Amino acid sequence: MRNTIGNSAKASASSARAWRHHTSRKLPRTTAFFALGIRPEDLAPADEGLKVDVVMVEELGADAYVYGKTQADGEEYQVMARVDGRRPPKKGDTIFFAPKTDHIHLFDVETGERVND
């Protein structure tokens, strides 16, 4: 399972400037589609952020993996996050996650190429 969420925002000069702090390369100045990718260990439980409905919890001792779903732009996406195995959420819970911002990855949907460092 991959944590990827699509974005159909037009990559104009202004949106390229907005992403400059996330990437050392300039984004294309044409319409492009990007996928946001975050590894399970780079999502942390939070008071607000990405709202996830827990579908399943895999308890593995010190760690637990939360499998859930979220909504973005009218689409449903699967999410997987690694959490503390001593206090995992339960199936049916709704929890929030915040990404470690220096571990967010952007991918060009057409080429699969990573567009940020």
N, C-alpha and C. Protein backbone atom coordinates (compact mmCIF):
# COMPACT_ATOMS: atom_id res chain seq x y z
N MET A 1 0.85 -1.18 0.00
CA MET A 1 0.00 0.00 0.00
C MET A 1 0.88 1.23 0.00
N ARG A 2 0.52 2.21 -0.81
CA ARG A 2 1.26 3.47 -0.85
C ARG A 2 0.35 4.58 -0.36
N ASN A 3 0.91 5.49 0.39
CA ASN A 3 0.19 6.69 0.81
C ASN A 3 0.40 7.74 -0.26
N THR A 4 -0.49 7.79 -1.24
CA THR A 4 -0.40 8.81 -2.27
C THR A 4 -1.75 9.43 -2.48
N ILE A 5 -1.77 10.74 -2.57
CA ILE A 5 -2.98 11.49 -2.81
C ILE A 5 -2.75 12.39 -4.00
N GLY A 6 -3.63 12.33 -4.99
CA GLY A 6 -3.47 13.12 -6.21
C GLY A 6 -3.85 14.57 -5.99
N ASN A 7 -3.34 15.41 -6.88
CA ASN A 7 -3.66 16.83 -6.86
C ASN A 7 -3.75 17.31 -8.29
N SER A 8 -4.89 17.89 -8.64
CA SER A 8 -5.06 18.35 -10.02
C SER A 8 -4.84 19.84 -10.16
N ALA A 9 -4.12 20.43 -9.23
CA ALA A 9 -3.89 21.88 -9.29
C ALA A 9 -3.00 22.23 -10.48
N LYS A 10 -3.30 23.33 -11.13
CA LYS A 10 -2.48 23.78 -12.25
C LYS A 10 -1.15 24.29 -11.70
N ALA A 11 -0.08 23.78 -12.26
CA ALA A 11 1.25 24.17 -11.80
C ALA A 11 1.68 25.43 -12.52
N SER A 12 1.11 26.53 -12.13
CA SER A 12 1.45 27.82 -12.74
C SER A 12 2.68 28.39 -12.07
N ALA A 13 3.13 29.52 -12.53
CA ALA A 13 4.29 30.16 -11.91
C ALA A 13 4.02 30.44 -10.44
N SER A 14 2.81 30.86 -10.09
CA SER A 14 2.53 31.17 -8.68
C SER A 14 2.53 29.91 -7.84
N SER A 15 1.98 28.79 -8.34
CA SER A 15 2.00 27.57 -7.54
C SER A 15 3.41 27.01 -7.46
N ALA A 16 4.21 27.20 -8.49
CA ALA A 16 5.61 26.77 -8.43
C ALA A 16 6.34 27.53 -7.34
N ARG A 17 6.07 28.84 -7.22
CA ARG A 17 6.70 29.62 -6.14
C ARG A 17 6.25 29.10 -4.79
N ALA A 18 4.97 28.73 -4.67
CA ALA A 18 4.46 28.25 -3.39
C ALA A 18 5.14 26.95 -2.97
N TRP A 19 5.55 26.12 -3.93
CA TRP A 19 6.20 24.84 -3.61
C TRP A 19 7.72 24.98 -3.51
N ARG A 20 8.28 26.14 -3.76
CA ARG A 20 9.72 26.29 -3.81
C ARG A 20 10.41 25.81 -2.54
N HIS A 21 9.78 25.99 -1.38
CA HIS A 21 10.42 25.56 -0.14
C HIS A 21 10.43 24.04 0.00
N HIS A 22 9.67 23.32 -0.84
CA HIS A 22 9.65 21.86 -0.78
C HIS A 22 10.58 21.21 -1.80
N THR A 23 11.04 21.96 -2.76
CA THR A 23 11.84 21.35 -3.82
C THR A 23 12.91 22.32 -4.30
N SER A 24 14.05 21.75 -4.70
CA SER A 24 15.10 22.61 -5.24
C SER A 24 14.95 22.76 -6.75
N ARG A 25 14.06 21.95 -7.37
CA ARG A 25 13.82 22.04 -8.81
C ARG A 25 12.53 22.79 -9.07
N LYS A 26 12.51 23.52 -10.17
CA LYS A 26 11.28 24.23 -10.54
C LYS A 26 10.26 23.24 -11.05
N LEU A 27 9.01 23.46 -10.69
CA LEU A 27 7.93 22.63 -11.21
C LEU A 27 7.58 23.11 -12.61
N PRO A 28 7.02 22.24 -13.44
CA PRO A 28 6.66 22.64 -14.80
C PRO A 28 5.66 23.79 -14.80
N ARG A 29 5.69 24.61 -15.83
CA ARG A 29 4.77 25.74 -15.93
C ARG A 29 3.52 25.38 -16.73
N THR A 30 3.30 24.12 -16.96
CA THR A 30 2.12 23.67 -17.68
C THR A 30 1.18 22.97 -16.71
N THR A 31 -0.02 22.65 -17.18
CA THR A 31 -0.93 21.89 -16.34
C THR A 31 -0.32 20.52 -16.09
N ALA A 32 -0.26 20.12 -14.83
CA ALA A 32 0.33 18.83 -14.48
C ALA A 32 -0.42 18.25 -13.28
N PHE A 33 -0.33 16.96 -13.14
CA PHE A 33 -0.94 16.29 -12.00
C PHE A 33 0.17 15.73 -11.14
N PHE A 34 0.03 15.92 -9.83
CA PHE A 34 1.03 15.46 -8.89
C PHE A 34 0.39 14.52 -7.88
N ALA A 35 1.18 13.58 -7.37
CA ALA A 35 0.76 12.71 -6.28
C ALA A 35 1.63 13.03 -5.08
N LEU A 36 1.00 13.12 -3.93
CA LEU A 36 1.68 13.38 -2.68
C LEU A 36 1.95 12.04 -2.02
N GLY A 37 3.18 11.76 -1.66
CA GLY A 37 3.53 10.49 -1.03
C GLY A 37 4.17 10.71 0.32
N ILE A 38 3.73 9.91 1.31
CA ILE A 38 4.27 10.00 2.67
C ILE A 38 4.43 8.58 3.19
N ARG A 39 5.59 8.24 3.70
CA ARG A 39 5.82 6.91 4.24
C ARG A 39 5.05 6.74 5.55
N PRO A 40 4.64 5.50 5.88
CA PRO A 40 3.85 5.26 7.10
C PRO A 40 4.52 5.78 8.37
N GLU A 41 5.84 5.70 8.45
CA GLU A 41 6.54 6.16 9.64
C GLU A 41 6.65 7.69 9.70
N ASP A 42 6.26 8.37 8.63
CA ASP A 42 6.35 9.82 8.58
C ASP A 42 4.99 10.51 8.79
N LEU A 43 4.00 9.74 9.22
CA LEU A 43 2.71 10.28 9.65
C LEU A 43 2.63 10.12 11.16
N ALA A 44 2.31 11.21 11.86
CA ALA A 44 2.23 11.16 13.32
C ALA A 44 0.81 11.51 13.77
N PRO A 45 0.30 10.80 14.78
CA PRO A 45 -1.01 11.17 15.32
C PRO A 45 -1.01 12.63 15.76
N ALA A 46 -2.12 13.31 15.52
CA ALA A 46 -2.20 14.75 15.82
C ALA A 46 -3.62 15.11 16.24
N ASP A 47 -3.78 16.32 16.76
CA ASP A 47 -5.11 16.82 17.15
C ASP A 47 -5.92 17.26 15.94
N GLU A 48 -5.23 17.60 14.85
CA GLU A 48 -5.90 17.99 13.61
C GLU A 48 -4.97 17.63 12.46
N GLY A 49 -5.52 17.65 11.26
CA GLY A 49 -4.72 17.30 10.09
C GLY A 49 -5.50 16.39 9.17
N LEU A 50 -4.87 15.33 8.69
CA LEU A 50 -5.49 14.37 7.79
C LEU A 50 -6.42 13.47 8.59
N LYS A 51 -7.72 13.57 8.31
CA LYS A 51 -8.72 12.78 9.03
C LYS A 51 -8.79 11.38 8.43
N VAL A 52 -8.59 10.36 9.26
CA VAL A 52 -8.54 8.97 8.80
C VAL A 52 -9.54 8.14 9.59
N ASP A 53 -10.37 7.39 8.88
CA ASP A 53 -11.27 6.42 9.49
C ASP A 53 -10.53 5.09 9.52
N VAL A 54 -10.33 4.54 10.72
CA VAL A 54 -9.55 3.31 10.89
C VAL A 54 -10.36 2.10 10.41
N VAL A 55 -9.78 1.36 9.47
CA VAL A 55 -10.40 0.16 8.92
C VAL A 55 -9.83 -1.09 9.60
N MET A 56 -8.52 -1.08 9.87
CA MET A 56 -7.86 -2.23 10.48
C MET A 56 -6.60 -1.77 11.20
N VAL A 57 -6.24 -2.49 12.26
CA VAL A 57 -4.99 -2.22 12.98
C VAL A 57 -4.21 -3.52 13.07
N GLU A 58 -2.97 -3.48 12.64
CA GLU A 58 -2.07 -4.63 12.71
C GLU A 58 -1.09 -4.38 13.84
N GLU A 59 -1.25 -5.09 14.95
CA GLU A 59 -0.40 -4.90 16.11
C GLU A 59 0.81 -5.82 16.02
N LEU A 60 2.01 -5.22 16.10
CA LEU A 60 3.26 -5.97 15.94
C LEU A 60 4.22 -5.72 17.09
N GLY A 61 3.73 -5.71 18.30
CA GLY A 61 4.59 -5.46 19.46
C GLY A 61 4.79 -3.97 19.68
N ALA A 62 6.02 -3.51 19.51
CA ALA A 62 6.33 -2.10 19.76
C ALA A 62 5.67 -1.16 18.76
N ASP A 63 5.36 -1.67 17.58
CA ASP A 63 4.72 -0.87 16.53
C ASP A 63 3.36 -1.45 16.18
N ALA A 64 2.52 -0.61 15.64
CA ALA A 64 1.25 -1.05 15.07
C ALA A 64 1.07 -0.28 13.76
N TYR A 65 0.46 -0.93 12.80
CA TYR A 65 0.16 -0.27 11.53
C TYR A 65 -1.34 -0.05 11.44
N VAL A 66 -1.71 1.20 11.20
CA VAL A 66 -3.10 1.60 11.05
C VAL A 66 -3.40 1.65 9.56
N TYR A 67 -4.44 0.96 9.15
CA TYR A 67 -4.92 1.00 7.77
C TYR A 67 -6.26 1.70 7.81
N GLY A 68 -6.39 2.75 7.01
CA GLY A 68 -7.63 3.51 7.05
C GLY A 68 -7.94 4.14 5.72
N LYS A 69 -8.94 5.00 5.75
CA LYS A 69 -9.34 5.71 4.53
C LYS A 69 -9.59 7.17 4.86
N THR A 70 -9.41 8.01 3.85
CA THR A 70 -9.63 9.44 3.99
C THR A 70 -10.25 9.96 2.70
N GLN A 71 -10.77 11.16 2.75
CA GLN A 71 -11.38 11.80 1.59
C GLN A 71 -10.56 13.03 1.21
N ALA A 72 -10.38 13.23 -0.09
CA ALA A 72 -9.72 14.43 -0.61
C ALA A 72 -10.27 14.71 -1.99
N ASP A 73 -10.75 15.92 -2.21
CA ASP A 73 -11.29 16.32 -3.51
C ASP A 73 -12.38 15.37 -4.00
N GLY A 74 -13.22 14.88 -3.08
CA GLY A 74 -14.32 14.00 -3.45
C GLY A 74 -13.90 12.57 -3.75
N GLU A 75 -12.64 12.25 -3.57
CA GLU A 75 -12.12 10.90 -3.82
C GLU A 75 -11.76 10.25 -2.49
N GLU A 76 -11.88 8.93 -2.43
CA GLU A 76 -11.47 8.19 -1.24
C GLU A 76 -10.08 7.61 -1.47
N TYR A 77 -9.21 7.74 -0.47
CA TYR A 77 -7.85 7.24 -0.55
C TYR A 77 -7.55 6.36 0.65
N GLN A 78 -6.71 5.35 0.44
CA GLN A 78 -6.25 4.50 1.53
C GLN A 78 -5.04 5.13 2.18
N VAL A 79 -4.94 4.96 3.50
CA VAL A 79 -3.83 5.51 4.26
C VAL A 79 -3.28 4.42 5.18
N MET A 80 -1.97 4.38 5.30
CA MET A 80 -1.33 3.47 6.24
C MET A 80 -0.35 4.30 7.07
N ALA A 81 -0.38 4.10 8.38
CA ALA A 81 0.52 4.84 9.27
C ALA A 81 1.05 3.91 10.35
N ARG A 82 2.30 4.12 10.73
CA ARG A 82 2.90 3.37 11.84
C ARG A 82 2.71 4.17 13.12
N VAL A 83 2.19 3.52 14.15
CA VAL A 83 1.93 4.18 15.43
C VAL A 83 2.54 3.35 16.56
N ASP A 84 2.51 3.90 17.76
CA ASP A 84 2.99 3.22 18.96
C ASP A 84 2.11 1.99 19.22
N GLY A 85 2.73 0.82 19.27
CA GLY A 85 1.98 -0.42 19.47
C GLY A 85 1.41 -0.58 20.86
N ARG A 86 1.84 0.25 21.80
CA ARG A 86 1.31 0.16 23.17
C ARG A 86 -0.01 0.89 23.32
N ARG A 87 -0.31 1.81 22.37
CA ARG A 87 -1.56 2.59 22.42
C ARG A 87 -2.17 2.74 21.04
N PRO A 88 -2.44 1.64 20.36
CA PRO A 88 -2.99 1.77 19.00
C PRO A 88 -4.47 2.14 19.03
N PRO A 89 -4.94 2.79 17.96
CA PRO A 89 -6.38 3.06 17.87
C PRO A 89 -7.11 1.75 17.58
N LYS A 90 -8.41 1.80 17.60
CA LYS A 90 -9.23 0.61 17.34
C LYS A 90 -9.96 0.77 16.02
N LYS A 91 -10.32 -0.35 15.41
CA LYS A 91 -11.12 -0.35 14.20
C LYS A 91 -12.38 0.47 14.46
N GLY A 92 -12.71 1.36 13.51
CA GLY A 92 -13.89 2.22 13.66
C GLY A 92 -13.58 3.59 14.23
N ASP A 93 -12.40 3.75 14.84
CA ASP A 93 -12.01 5.07 15.36
C ASP A 93 -11.76 6.03 14.19
N THR A 94 -11.91 7.30 14.46
CA THR A 94 -11.51 8.36 13.53
C THR A 94 -10.37 9.10 14.20
N ILE A 95 -9.24 9.15 13.53
CA ILE A 95 -8.07 9.83 14.10
C ILE A 95 -7.49 10.78 13.06
N PHE A 96 -6.62 11.65 13.52
CA PHE A 96 -5.97 12.63 12.66
C PHE A 96 -4.47 12.36 12.64
N PHE A 97 -3.87 12.58 11.47
CA PHE A 97 -2.42 12.46 11.31
C PHE A 97 -1.87 13.73 10.71
N ALA A 98 -0.65 14.06 11.09
CA ALA A 98 0.08 15.17 10.48
C ALA A 98 1.39 14.62 9.93
N PRO A 99 1.74 14.98 8.71
CA PRO A 99 3.00 14.48 8.15
C PRO A 99 4.20 15.25 8.70
N LYS A 100 5.32 14.57 8.74
CA LYS A 100 6.59 15.26 9.02
C LYS A 100 6.89 16.01 7.73
N THR A 101 6.82 17.33 7.77
CA THR A 101 6.84 18.13 6.55
C THR A 101 8.12 17.98 5.74
N ASP A 102 9.23 17.61 6.37
CA ASP A 102 10.46 17.44 5.60
C ASP A 102 10.55 16.04 4.98
N HIS A 103 9.47 15.25 5.12
CA HIS A 103 9.43 13.91 4.55
C HIS A 103 8.26 13.73 3.58
N ILE A 104 7.77 14.82 3.01
CA ILE A 104 6.70 14.77 2.03
C ILE A 104 7.33 14.64 0.64
N HIS A 105 6.80 13.75 -0.17
CA HIS A 105 7.34 13.52 -1.51
C HIS A 105 6.27 13.85 -2.54
N LEU A 106 6.66 14.55 -3.61
CA LEU A 106 5.76 14.85 -4.72
C LEU A 106 6.23 14.09 -5.95
N PHE A 107 5.27 13.48 -6.65
CA PHE A 107 5.57 12.71 -7.84
C PHE A 107 4.74 13.21 -9.01
N ASP A 108 5.34 13.30 -10.18
CA ASP A 108 4.61 13.61 -11.40
C ASP A 108 3.81 12.36 -11.76
N VAL A 109 2.49 12.48 -11.85
CA VAL A 109 1.64 11.33 -12.09
C VAL A 109 1.90 10.71 -13.46
N GLU A 110 2.20 11.52 -14.44
CA GLU A 110 2.41 10.99 -15.80
C GLU A 110 3.72 10.21 -15.93
N THR A 111 4.79 10.70 -15.30
CA THR A 111 6.10 10.06 -15.48
C THR A 111 6.51 9.20 -14.29
N GLY A 112 5.89 9.43 -13.13
CA GLY A 112 6.30 8.73 -11.92
C GLY A 112 7.53 9.33 -11.28
N GLU A 113 8.08 10.37 -11.90
CA GLU A 113 9.31 11.01 -11.43
C GLU A 113 9.04 11.84 -10.18
N ARG A 114 9.92 11.72 -9.22
CA ARG A 114 9.84 12.53 -8.01
C ARG A 114 10.25 13.96 -8.37
N VAL A 115 9.46 14.95 -7.94
CA VAL A 115 9.72 16.34 -8.35
C VAL A 115 10.26 17.19 -7.19
N ASN A 116 10.44 16.60 -6.03
CA ASN A 116 11.08 17.35 -4.94
C ASN A 116 12.18 16.50 -4.37
N ASP A 117 13.12 17.15 -3.68
CA ASP A 117 14.27 16.44 -3.12
C ASP A 117 13.99 15.96 -1.72
